[in-house]
């Protein structure tokens, strides 16, 4: 069968499937994009504020002498790294590229950061006598990560009308394809073939 004999509905269907896959892989955060951007900025600010005593978030990230002198534990270091990588890095990537997969990664990493933030605050509150408790930077960062997780969850689970319509159309096409029998496909192919010259 030559390229000119192709069924136009098949070409249209393949174009529609490509467009549906593209739409399904994108997010539309809308006004939440501004909220997420502000929370990312707050998270960055929390890294320059004191996390405990004189140790700032940047000191905790690097694990330098200032952080070691106040007895920074592993949960605090993990929290700052996860907050930086997922709360800042993947959030900004997801906002700029609008990719659904990156938004999912930002959501999962931020959710894990929430638990690590809880452990970090708890470890500072139960620190050995003489070590300072949680600072404003740690508390602000933890609240920012919690809010980021909430907003990424809303963005990831919210489907646009176009995505829902594309999914419904794909389901209808699949149902139609399943209801056709093998003989229907054979009859359709025979009608397309030109009669043999005799």
C-alpha atoms as a PDB file:
ATOM      1  CA  UNK A   1       0.000   0.000   0.000  1.00  0.00           C
ATOM      2  CA  UNK A   2       1.529   3.351  -0.972  1.00  0.00           C
ATOM      3  CA  UNK A   3       1.722   6.381   1.251  1.00  0.00           C
ATOM      4  CA  UNK A   4      -1.087   8.020  -0.746  1.00  0.00           C
ATOM      5  CA  UNK A   5      -3.428   5.072  -0.034  1.00  0.00           C
ATOM      6  CA  UNK A   6      -3.172   5.468   3.763  1.00  0.00           C
ATOM      7  CA  UNK A   7      -6.420   5.963   5.569  1.00  0.00           C
ATOM      8  CA  UNK A   8      -6.652   9.652   6.599  1.00  0.00           C
ATOM      9  CA  UNK A   9      -8.445   8.644   9.786  1.00  0.00           C
ATOM     10  CA  UNK A  10      -5.428   6.538  10.823  1.00  0.00           C
ATOM     11  CA  UNK A  11      -3.077   9.494  10.310  1.00  0.00           C
ATOM     12  CA  UNK A  12      -5.468  11.710  12.247  1.00  0.00           C
ATOM     13  CA  UNK A  13      -5.688   9.131  15.045  1.00  0.00           C
ATOM     14  CA  UNK A  14      -1.896   8.887  15.367  1.00  0.00           C
ATOM     15  CA  UNK A  15      -1.613  12.691  15.478  1.00  0.00           C
ATOM     16  CA  UNK A  16      -4.281  12.810  18.179  1.00  0.00           C
ATOM     17  CA  UNK A  17      -2.494  10.146  20.223  1.00  0.00           C
ATOM     18  CA  UNK A  18       0.760  12.119  20.050  1.00  0.00           C
ATOM     19  CA  UNK A  19      -1.023  15.283  21.174  1.00  0.00           C
ATOM     20  CA  UNK A  20      -2.773  13.401  24.003  1.00  0.00           C
ATOM     21  CA  UNK A  21       0.520  11.969  25.267  1.00  0.00           C
ATOM     22  CA  UNK A  22       2.072  15.444  25.214  1.00  0.00           C
ATOM     23  CA  UNK A  23      -0.841  16.979  27.115  1.00  0.00           C
ATOM     24  CA  UNK A  24      -0.915  14.100  29.629  1.00  0.00           C
ATOM     25  CA  UNK A  25       2.785  14.659  30.405  1.00  0.00           C
ATOM     26  CA  UNK A  26       2.369  18.333  31.291  1.00  0.00           C
ATOM     27  CA  UNK A  27       1.142  20.178  34.367  1.00  0.00           C
ATOM     28  CA  UNK A  28      -0.807  23.414  34.514  1.00  0.00           C
ATOM     29  CA  UNK A  29      -0.088  24.885  37.967  1.00  0.00           C
ATOM     30  CA  UNK A  30      -1.879  28.160  37.226  1.00  0.00           C
ATOM     31  CA  UNK A  31      -1.808  30.517  40.210  1.00  0.00           C
ATOM     32  CA  UNK A  32      -0.084  27.846  42.306  1.00  0.00           C
ATOM     33  CA  UNK A  33       3.074  28.462  40.277  1.00  0.00           C
ATOM     34  CA  UNK A  34       3.495  31.819  42.024  1.00  0.00           C
ATOM     35  CA  UNK A  35       2.875  30.257  45.440  1.00  0.00           C
ATOM     36  CA  UNK A  36       5.422  27.498  44.742  1.00  0.00           C
ATOM     37  CA  UNK A  37       7.973  30.077  43.544  1.00  0.00           C
ATOM     38  CA  UNK A  38       7.500  32.117  46.734  1.00  0.00           C
ATOM     39  CA  UNK A  39       7.872  28.997  48.895  1.00  0.00           C
ATOM     40  CA  UNK A  40      11.082  28.067  47.054  1.00  0.00           C
ATOM     41  CA  UNK A  41      12.402  31.556  47.800  1.00  0.00           C
ATOM     42  CA  UNK A  42      11.432  31.205  51.481  1.00  0.00           C
ATOM     43  CA  UNK A  43      13.216  27.852  51.553  1.00  0.00           C
ATOM     44  CA  UNK A  44      16.360  29.452  50.139  1.00  0.00           C
ATOM     45  CA  UNK A  45      16.153  32.245  52.726  1.00  0.00           C
ATOM     46  CA  UNK A  46      15.829  29.633  55.488  1.00  0.00           C
ATOM     47  CA  UNK A  47      19.226  28.253  54.473  1.00  0.00           C
ATOM     48  CA  UNK A  48      20.962  31.519  55.365  1.00  0.00           C
ATOM     49  CA  UNK A  49      19.146  31.867  58.692  1.00  0.00           C
ATOM     50  CA  UNK A  50      20.356  30.111  61.859  1.00  0.00           C
ATOM     51  CA  UNK A  51      19.225  26.491  62.075  1.00  0.00           C
ATOM     52  CA  UNK A  52      20.531  26.021  65.582  1.00  0.00           C
ATOM     53  CA  UNK A  53      22.677  28.304  67.657  1.00  0.00           C
ATOM     54  CA  UNK A  54      25.172  30.093  65.397  1.00  0.00           C
ATOM     55  CA  UNK A  55      25.043  27.386  62.697  1.00  0.00           C
ATOM     56  CA  UNK A  56      23.177  28.558  59.599  1.00  0.00           C
ATOM     57  CA  UNK A  57      21.536  26.247  57.089  1.00  0.00           C
ATOM     58  CA  UNK A  58      24.511  26.593  54.754  1.00  0.00           C
ATOM     59  CA  UNK A  59      26.828  25.494  57.584  1.00  0.00           C
ATOM     60  CA  UNK A  60      24.617  22.454  58.181  1.00  0.00           C
ATOM     61  CA  UNK A  61      24.723  21.639  54.454  1.00  0.00           C
ATOM     62  CA  UNK A  62      28.515  21.738  54.383  1.00  0.00           C
ATOM     63  CA  UNK A  63      28.959  20.089  57.760  1.00  0.00           C
ATOM     64  CA  UNK A  64      31.639  22.596  58.765  1.00  0.00           C
ATOM     65  CA  UNK A  65      33.119  23.277  62.210  1.00  0.00           C
ATOM     66  CA  UNK A  66      30.370  25.728  63.164  1.00  0.00           C
ATOM     67  CA  UNK A  67      27.734  23.028  62.630  1.00  0.00           C
ATOM     68  CA  UNK A  68      29.778  20.348  64.404  1.00  0.00           C
ATOM     69  CA  UNK A  69      30.350  22.600  67.412  1.00  0.00           C
ATOM     70  CA  UNK A  70      26.597  22.740  68.130  1.00  0.00           C
ATOM     71  CA  UNK A  71      26.132  18.992  67.704  1.00  0.00           C
ATOM     72  CA  UNK A  72      24.288  18.870  64.368  1.00  0.00           C
ATOM     73  CA  UNK A  73      22.864  15.372  63.904  1.00  0.00           C
ATOM     74  CA  UNK A  74      22.253  13.405  60.722  1.00  0.00           C
ATOM     75  CA  UNK A  75      18.509  14.291  60.448  1.00  0.00           C
ATOM     76  CA  UNK A  76      19.356  17.995  60.199  1.00  0.00           C
ATOM     77  CA  UNK A  77      21.899  17.425  57.456  1.00  0.00           C
ATOM     78  CA  UNK A  78      19.557  15.136  55.532  1.00  0.00           C
ATOM     79  CA  UNK A  79      16.712  17.624  55.866  1.00  0.00           C
ATOM     80  CA  UNK A  80      18.757  20.522  54.482  1.00  0.00           C
ATOM     81  CA  UNK A  81      20.019  18.437  51.552  1.00  0.00           C
ATOM     82  CA  UNK A  82      16.576  17.049  50.687  1.00  0.00           C
ATOM     83  CA  UNK A  83      15.018  20.508  51.017  1.00  0.00           C
ATOM     84  CA  UNK A  84      17.658  21.942  48.674  1.00  0.00           C
ATOM     85  CA  UNK A  85      17.540  19.158  46.069  1.00  0.00           C
ATOM     86  CA  UNK A  86      13.803  18.496  45.972  1.00  0.00           C
ATOM     87  CA  UNK A  87      12.217  21.602  47.491  1.00  0.00           C
ATOM     88  CA  UNK A  88      14.346  24.017  45.481  1.00  0.00           C
ATOM     89  CA  UNK A  89      15.942  22.089  42.596  1.00  0.00           C
ATOM     90  CA  UNK A  90      13.154  19.843  41.360  1.00  0.00           C
ATOM     91  CA  UNK A  91      10.484  22.438  42.158  1.00  0.00           C
ATOM     92  CA  UNK A  92      12.187  24.975  39.909  1.00  0.00           C
ATOM     93  CA  UNK A  93      12.727  22.361  37.185  1.00  0.00           C
ATOM     94  CA  UNK A  94       9.067  21.335  37.329  1.00  0.00           C
ATOM     95  CA  UNK A  95       7.904  24.953  37.177  1.00  0.00           C
ATOM     96  CA  UNK A  96      10.099  25.855  34.214  1.00  0.00           C
ATOM     97  CA  UNK A  97       9.574  22.688  32.145  1.00  0.00           C
ATOM     98  CA  UNK A  98       5.959  21.973  33.216  1.00  0.00           C
ATOM     99  CA  UNK A  99       6.738  18.243  33.142  1.00  0.00           C
ATOM    100  CA  UNK A 100       4.436  16.029  35.195  1.00  0.00           C
ATOM    101  CA  UNK A 101       7.245  13.589  36.070  1.00  0.00           C
ATOM    102  CA  UNK A 102       9.381  16.360  37.577  1.00  0.00           C
ATOM    103  CA  UNK A 103       6.399  17.605  39.580  1.00  0.00           C
ATOM    104  CA  UNK A 104       5.931  14.058  40.937  1.00  0.00           C
ATOM    105  CA  UNK A 105       9.616  13.906  41.922  1.00  0.00           C
ATOM    106  CA  UNK A 106       9.331  17.310  43.615  1.00  0.00           C
ATOM    107  CA  UNK A 107       6.238  16.079  45.477  1.00  0.00           C
ATOM    108  CA  UNK A 108       7.832  12.814  46.624  1.00  0.00           C
ATOM    109  CA  UNK A 109      11.084  14.483  47.686  1.00  0.00           C
ATOM    110  CA  UNK A 110       9.262  17.282  49.499  1.00  0.00           C
ATOM    111  CA  UNK A 111       7.090  14.756  51.335  1.00  0.00           C
ATOM    112  CA  UNK A 112      10.199  12.915  52.470  1.00  0.00           C
ATOM    113  CA  UNK A 113      11.721  16.257  53.479  1.00  0.00           C
ATOM    114  CA  UNK A 114       8.688  16.887  55.721  1.00  0.00           C
ATOM    115  CA  UNK A 115       9.446  13.727  57.693  1.00  0.00           C
ATOM    116  CA  UNK A 116      13.156  14.555  57.839  1.00  0.00           C
ATOM    117  CA  UNK A 117      12.282  18.077  59.015  1.00  0.00           C
ATOM    118  CA  UNK A 118      10.207  16.617  61.829  1.00  0.00           C
ATOM    119  CA  UNK A 119      13.156  14.443  62.861  1.00  0.00           C
ATOM    120  CA  UNK A 120      15.536  17.408  62.592  1.00  0.00           C
ATOM    121  CA  UNK A 121      13.373  19.590  64.862  1.00  0.00           C
ATOM    122  CA  UNK A 122      12.883  16.715  67.292  1.00  0.00           C
ATOM    123  CA  UNK A 123      16.629  15.982  67.395  1.00  0.00           C
ATOM    124  CA  UNK A 124      17.317  19.653  68.243  1.00  0.00           C
ATOM    125  CA  UNK A 125      14.666  19.687  70.972  1.00  0.00           C
ATOM    126  CA  UNK A 126      16.128  16.569  72.572  1.00  0.00           C
ATOM    127  CA  UNK A 127      19.776  17.570  72.087  1.00  0.00           C
ATOM    128  CA  UNK A 128      22.356  16.965  74.787  1.00  0.00           C
ATOM    129  CA  UNK A 129      22.331  19.553  77.591  1.00  0.00           C
ATOM    130  CA  UNK A 130      24.256  22.640  76.542  1.00  0.00           C
ATOM    131  CA  UNK A 131      23.428  22.412  72.833  1.00  0.00           C
ATOM    132  CA  UNK A 132      20.928  24.926  71.390  1.00  0.00           C
ATOM    133  CA  UNK A 133      17.455  24.008  70.219  1.00  0.00           C
ATOM    134  CA  UNK A 134      15.942  24.527  66.758  1.00  0.00           C
ATOM    135  CA  UNK A 135      16.533  27.941  65.195  1.00  0.00           C
ATOM    136  CA  UNK A 136      14.270  30.110  63.077  1.00  0.00           C
ATOM    137  CA  UNK A 137      15.867  28.863  59.838  1.00  0.00           C
ATOM    138  CA  UNK A 138      15.097  25.220  60.609  1.00  0.00           C
ATOM    139  CA  UNK A 139      11.498  25.945  61.601  1.00  0.00           C
ATOM    140  CA  UNK A 140      10.902  28.241  58.621  1.00  0.00           C
ATOM    141  CA  UNK A 141      12.414  25.688  56.227  1.00  0.00           C
ATOM    142  CA  UNK A 142      10.293  22.899  57.669  1.00  0.00           C
ATOM    143  CA  UNK A 143       7.059  24.909  57.321  1.00  0.00           C
ATOM    144  CA  UNK A 144       8.029  25.898  53.745  1.00  0.00           C
ATOM    145  CA  UNK A 145       8.617  22.248  52.804  1.00  0.00           C
ATOM    146  CA  UNK A 146       5.258  21.224  54.303  1.00  0.00           C
ATOM    147  CA  UNK A 147       3.480  23.906  52.266  1.00  0.00           C
ATOM    148  CA  UNK A 148       5.432  22.938  49.130  1.00  0.00           C
ATOM    149  CA  UNK A 149       4.336  19.342  49.555  1.00  0.00           C
ATOM    150  CA  UNK A 150       0.703  20.423  49.868  1.00  0.00           C
ATOM    151  CA  UNK A 151       0.829  22.601  46.743  1.00  0.00           C
ATOM    152  CA  UNK A 152       2.710  20.025  44.644  1.00  0.00           C
ATOM    153  CA  UNK A 153       0.134  17.419  45.655  1.00  0.00           C
ATOM    154  CA  UNK A 154      -2.656  19.710  44.450  1.00  0.00           C
ATOM    155  CA  UNK A 155      -0.854  20.424  41.161  1.00  0.00           C
ATOM    156  CA  UNK A 156      -0.053  16.773  40.458  1.00  0.00           C
ATOM    157  CA  UNK A 157      -3.558  15.484  41.205  1.00  0.00           C
ATOM    158  CA  UNK A 158      -5.437  18.254  39.448  1.00  0.00           C
ATOM    159  CA  UNK A 159      -6.173  17.296  35.884  1.00  0.00           C
ATOM    160  CA  UNK A 160      -7.150  19.878  33.320  1.00  0.00           C
ATOM    161  CA  UNK A 161     -10.320  19.550  31.256  1.00  0.00           C
ATOM    162  CA  UNK A 162      -8.205  18.906  28.159  1.00  0.00           C
ATOM    163  CA  UNK A 163      -6.386  16.023  29.862  1.00  0.00           C
ATOM    164  CA  UNK A 164      -9.652  14.488  31.064  1.00  0.00           C
ATOM    165  CA  UNK A 165     -11.212  14.791  27.605  1.00  0.00           C
ATOM    166  CA  UNK A 166      -8.128  13.246  25.990  1.00  0.00           C
ATOM    167  CA  UNK A 167      -8.232  10.329  28.434  1.00  0.00           C
ATOM    168  CA  UNK A 168     -11.933   9.765  27.779  1.00  0.00           C
ATOM    169  CA  UNK A 169     -11.388   9.820  24.021  1.00  0.00           C
ATOM    170  CA  UNK A 170      -8.533   7.324  24.370  1.00  0.00           C
ATOM    171  CA  UNK A 171     -10.754   5.020  26.456  1.00  0.00           C
ATOM    172  CA  UNK A 172     -13.555   5.245  23.870  1.00  0.00           C
ATOM    173  CA  UNK A 173     -11.131   4.372  21.064  1.00  0.00           C
ATOM    174  CA  UNK A 174      -9.836   1.417  23.073  1.00  0.00           C
ATOM    175  CA  UNK A 175     -13.391   0.171  23.700  1.00  0.00           C
ATOM    176  CA  UNK A 176     -14.169   0.509  19.999  1.00  0.00           C
ATOM    177  CA  UNK A 177     -10.999  -1.365  19.093  1.00  0.00           C
ATOM    178  CA  UNK A 178     -11.866  -4.185  21.488  1.00  0.00           C
ATOM    179  CA  UNK A 179     -15.416  -4.514  20.185  1.00  0.00           C
ATOM    180  CA  UNK A 180     -14.293  -4.996  16.577  1.00  0.00           C
ATOM    181  CA  UNK A 181     -13.852  -8.583  15.574  1.00  0.00           C
ATOM    182  CA  UNK A 182     -11.084 -10.097  13.483  1.00  0.00           C
ATOM    183  CA  UNK A 183     -13.438 -10.433  10.506  1.00  0.00           C
ATOM    184  CA  UNK A 184     -14.214  -6.698  10.617  1.00  0.00           C
ATOM    185  CA  UNK A 185     -10.504  -5.942  10.283  1.00  0.00           C
ATOM    186  CA  UNK A 186     -10.116  -8.385   7.372  1.00  0.00           C
ATOM    187  CA  UNK A 187     -13.152  -6.879   5.568  1.00  0.00           C
ATOM    188  CA  UNK A 188     -11.762  -3.380   6.030  1.00  0.00           C
ATOM    189  CA  UNK A 189      -8.374  -4.363   4.600  1.00  0.00           C
ATOM    190  CA  UNK A 190      -9.974  -6.069   1.577  1.00  0.00           C
ATOM    191  CA  UNK A 191     -11.998  -2.949   0.774  1.00  0.00           C
ATOM    192  CA  UNK A 192      -8.838  -0.850   0.773  1.00  0.00           C
ATOM    193  CA  UNK A 193      -6.924  -3.082  -1.657  1.00  0.00           C
ATOM    194  CA  UNK A 194      -7.444  -2.276  -5.363  1.00  0.00           C
ATOM    195  CA  UNK A 195      -8.924  -5.091  -7.473  1.00  0.00           C
ATOM    196  CA  UNK A 196      -6.350  -7.258  -9.238  1.00  0.00           C
ATOM    197  CA  UNK A 197      -5.962  -6.559 -12.926  1.00  0.00           C
ATOM    198  CA  UNK A 198      -7.001  -9.680 -14.752  1.00  0.00           C
END
